[in-house]
N, C-alpha and C. Protein backbone atom coordinates (compact mmCIF):
# COMPACT_ATOMS: atom_id res chain seq x y z
N MET A 1 13.24 34.02 55.96
CA MET A 1 11.93 35.08 56.55
C MET A 1 10.92 34.35 57.25
N VAL A 2 10.20 34.55 58.31
CA VAL A 2 9.52 34.18 59.37
C VAL A 2 8.32 34.84 58.95
N MET A 3 7.23 34.14 58.51
CA MET A 3 5.97 34.97 58.78
C MET A 3 4.59 33.56 59.66
N THR A 4 3.90 34.73 60.08
CA THR A 4 3.04 33.92 60.98
C THR A 4 1.41 34.08 60.85
N LEU A 5 0.63 32.80 60.77
CA LEU A 5 -0.91 32.74 60.17
C LEU A 5 -0.99 32.94 61.92
N LYS A 6 -2.21 33.83 61.63
CA LYS A 6 -3.14 33.50 62.88
C LYS A 6 -4.26 32.64 62.92
N GLN A 7 -4.31 31.95 64.06
CA GLN A 7 -6.03 31.07 63.00
C GLN A 7 -7.62 32.31 63.04
N GLY A 8 -7.90 31.37 61.94
CA GLY A 8 -8.32 32.05 61.73
C GLY A 8 -8.34 33.36 60.74
N ALA A 9 -7.10 32.87 60.88
CA ALA A 9 -6.85 34.27 58.55
C ALA A 9 -7.54 33.74 57.57
N THR A 10 -7.87 34.86 56.75
CA THR A 10 -9.13 34.71 55.66
C THR A 10 -7.54 34.54 55.03
N LYS A 11 -8.54 33.40 53.68
CA LYS A 11 -7.75 33.41 52.27
C LYS A 11 -7.24 34.82 51.92
N LYS A 12 -7.89 35.67 51.87
CA LYS A 12 -7.61 36.68 51.39
C LYS A 12 -5.80 37.31 51.54
N SER A 13 -5.96 36.72 53.18
CA SER A 13 -4.53 37.93 54.03
C SER A 13 -3.92 36.72 53.81
N ILE A 14 -3.65 35.70 53.57
CA ILE A 14 -3.46 34.36 53.24
C ILE A 14 -2.36 34.94 51.88
N ILE A 15 -3.16 35.13 51.24
CA ILE A 15 -2.72 35.42 49.80
C ILE A 15 -2.08 36.41 49.70
N SER A 16 -2.15 37.66 50.18
CA SER A 16 -1.44 38.89 50.34
C SER A 16 -0.17 39.04 50.74
N MET A 17 -0.36 38.16 52.37
CA MET A 17 1.13 37.76 53.13
C MET A 17 2.33 37.14 51.69
N LEU A 18 1.40 36.18 51.02
CA LEU A 18 2.36 35.07 50.02
C LEU A 18 3.28 36.36 49.20
N GLU A 19 1.76 37.69 48.34
CA GLU A 19 2.61 38.17 47.58
C GLU A 19 3.62 38.80 48.04
N ASN A 20 3.61 39.45 49.56
CA ASN A 20 3.97 40.77 49.94
C ASN A 20 5.89 39.52 49.98
N LEU A 21 5.87 37.74 50.39
CA LEU A 21 7.39 37.19 49.95
C LEU A 21 7.59 37.17 49.10
N ASP A 22 6.94 37.20 48.05
CA ASP A 22 7.83 37.36 46.77
C ASP A 22 8.52 38.16 45.82
N LYS A 23 8.06 39.44 46.53
CA LYS A 23 7.88 40.71 46.74
C LYS A 23 9.52 40.50 47.28
N GLU A 24 9.50 40.18 48.15
CA GLU A 24 10.71 40.92 49.60
C GLU A 24 11.72 39.39 48.63
N VAL A 25 11.60 38.37 48.35
CA VAL A 25 12.73 37.62 48.45
C VAL A 25 12.95 37.38 47.16
N LYS A 26 14.43 37.88 46.63
CA LYS A 26 14.83 37.78 45.18
C LYS A 26 15.37 36.49 45.04
N SER A 27 15.52 36.69 43.60
CA SER A 27 16.61 35.50 43.43
C SER A 27 17.36 34.99 42.63
N LYS A 28 18.21 33.73 43.17
CA LYS A 28 19.97 34.07 44.04
C LYS A 28 20.41 33.19 42.34
N GLY A 29 19.34 32.86 41.71
CA GLY A 29 19.67 31.86 40.52
C GLY A 29 20.21 32.27 39.33
N VAL A 30 20.92 32.14 38.66
CA VAL A 30 21.70 32.62 36.99
C VAL A 30 20.53 32.58 36.50
N ASP A 31 20.80 32.64 35.47
CA ASP A 31 19.76 33.47 33.73
C ASP A 31 19.81 32.87 33.00
N VAL A 32 19.93 31.44 32.96
CA VAL A 32 20.14 30.61 32.06
C VAL A 32 19.74 30.89 30.93
N TYR A 33 18.77 31.27 30.62
CA TYR A 33 17.97 32.00 29.22
C TYR A 33 18.74 32.60 28.34
N LYS A 34 19.73 33.63 29.48
CA LYS A 34 20.65 34.74 28.02
C LYS A 34 21.85 33.85 27.34
N TYR A 35 21.67 32.14 27.99
CA TYR A 35 22.86 31.46 27.49
C TYR A 35 22.01 30.40 26.03
N VAL A 36 21.01 30.75 26.37
CA VAL A 36 20.52 29.55 25.04
C VAL A 36 20.71 29.55 23.89
N GLY A 37 21.00 28.80 22.24
CA GLY A 37 21.30 29.15 21.49
C GLY A 37 22.82 29.81 21.31
N LYS A 38 23.45 30.28 22.45
CA LYS A 38 24.89 30.92 22.19
C LYS A 38 25.76 29.91 21.34
N ILE A 39 26.14 28.69 22.30
CA ILE A 39 27.07 27.64 21.63
C ILE A 39 26.54 27.12 20.33
N SER A 40 27.58 26.69 19.12
CA SER A 40 26.78 26.20 18.20
C SER A 40 27.95 24.67 17.91
N LEU A 41 28.04 23.35 17.72
CA LEU A 41 28.50 22.23 17.67
C LEU A 41 28.72 21.60 16.82
N LYS A 42 29.57 20.84 16.30
CA LYS A 42 29.89 20.48 15.23
C LYS A 42 29.61 19.03 15.40
N LYS A 43 29.44 18.50 15.87
CA LYS A 43 29.38 17.14 16.77
C LYS A 43 28.46 16.69 18.01
N ASP A 44 28.02 15.75 18.05
CA ASP A 44 27.04 15.77 18.57
C ASP A 44 27.63 15.76 19.73
N ALA A 45 26.71 16.14 21.29
CA ALA A 45 27.26 16.71 22.36
C ALA A 45 27.45 15.13 23.46
N LEU A 46 26.80 14.34 22.99
CA LEU A 46 27.00 12.85 23.72
C LEU A 46 28.15 12.04 23.42
N ASN A 47 28.40 12.13 21.37
CA ASN A 47 29.53 12.19 21.27
C ASN A 47 30.92 12.71 21.80
N ILE A 48 31.16 13.72 21.98
CA ILE A 48 31.92 14.78 22.42
C ILE A 48 32.36 14.34 23.28
N GLN A 49 30.64 14.38 24.75
CA GLN A 49 31.57 13.65 26.03
C GLN A 49 32.07 12.46 26.06
N LYS A 50 31.69 11.46 25.86
CA LYS A 50 31.80 10.14 25.21
C LYS A 50 34.13 9.80 25.06
N GLU A 51 34.58 10.67 24.15
CA GLU A 51 35.59 11.27 23.63
C GLU A 51 36.59 12.31 24.92
N LEU A 52 35.46 12.64 25.87
CA LEU A 52 36.47 13.19 26.78
C LEU A 52 36.67 11.97 28.00
N ARG A 53 35.62 11.46 28.09
CA ARG A 53 35.85 10.11 28.90
C ARG A 53 36.51 9.58 28.52
N ASP A 54 36.76 8.86 27.24
CA ASP A 54 37.69 7.70 26.81
C ASP A 54 39.56 8.06 27.00
N GLU A 55 38.94 9.61 27.45
CA GLU A 55 40.41 10.54 27.40
C GLU A 55 41.15 10.01 28.67
N TRP A 56 41.12 9.28 29.00
CA TRP A 56 40.97 8.86 30.51
C TRP A 56 41.48 8.08 31.17
């Protein structure tokens, strides 16, 4: 999206343009917080990683 700021624009008008931009642009990312605490490991994650790498 392209927004044009004209010379002499006030701080208030710039802030309102940025707020409108935030409303229009939607995040395409993944909500990772819904996965927090879902996996319970019996070993340390670093040890699991080392074991998996040693298999090669």
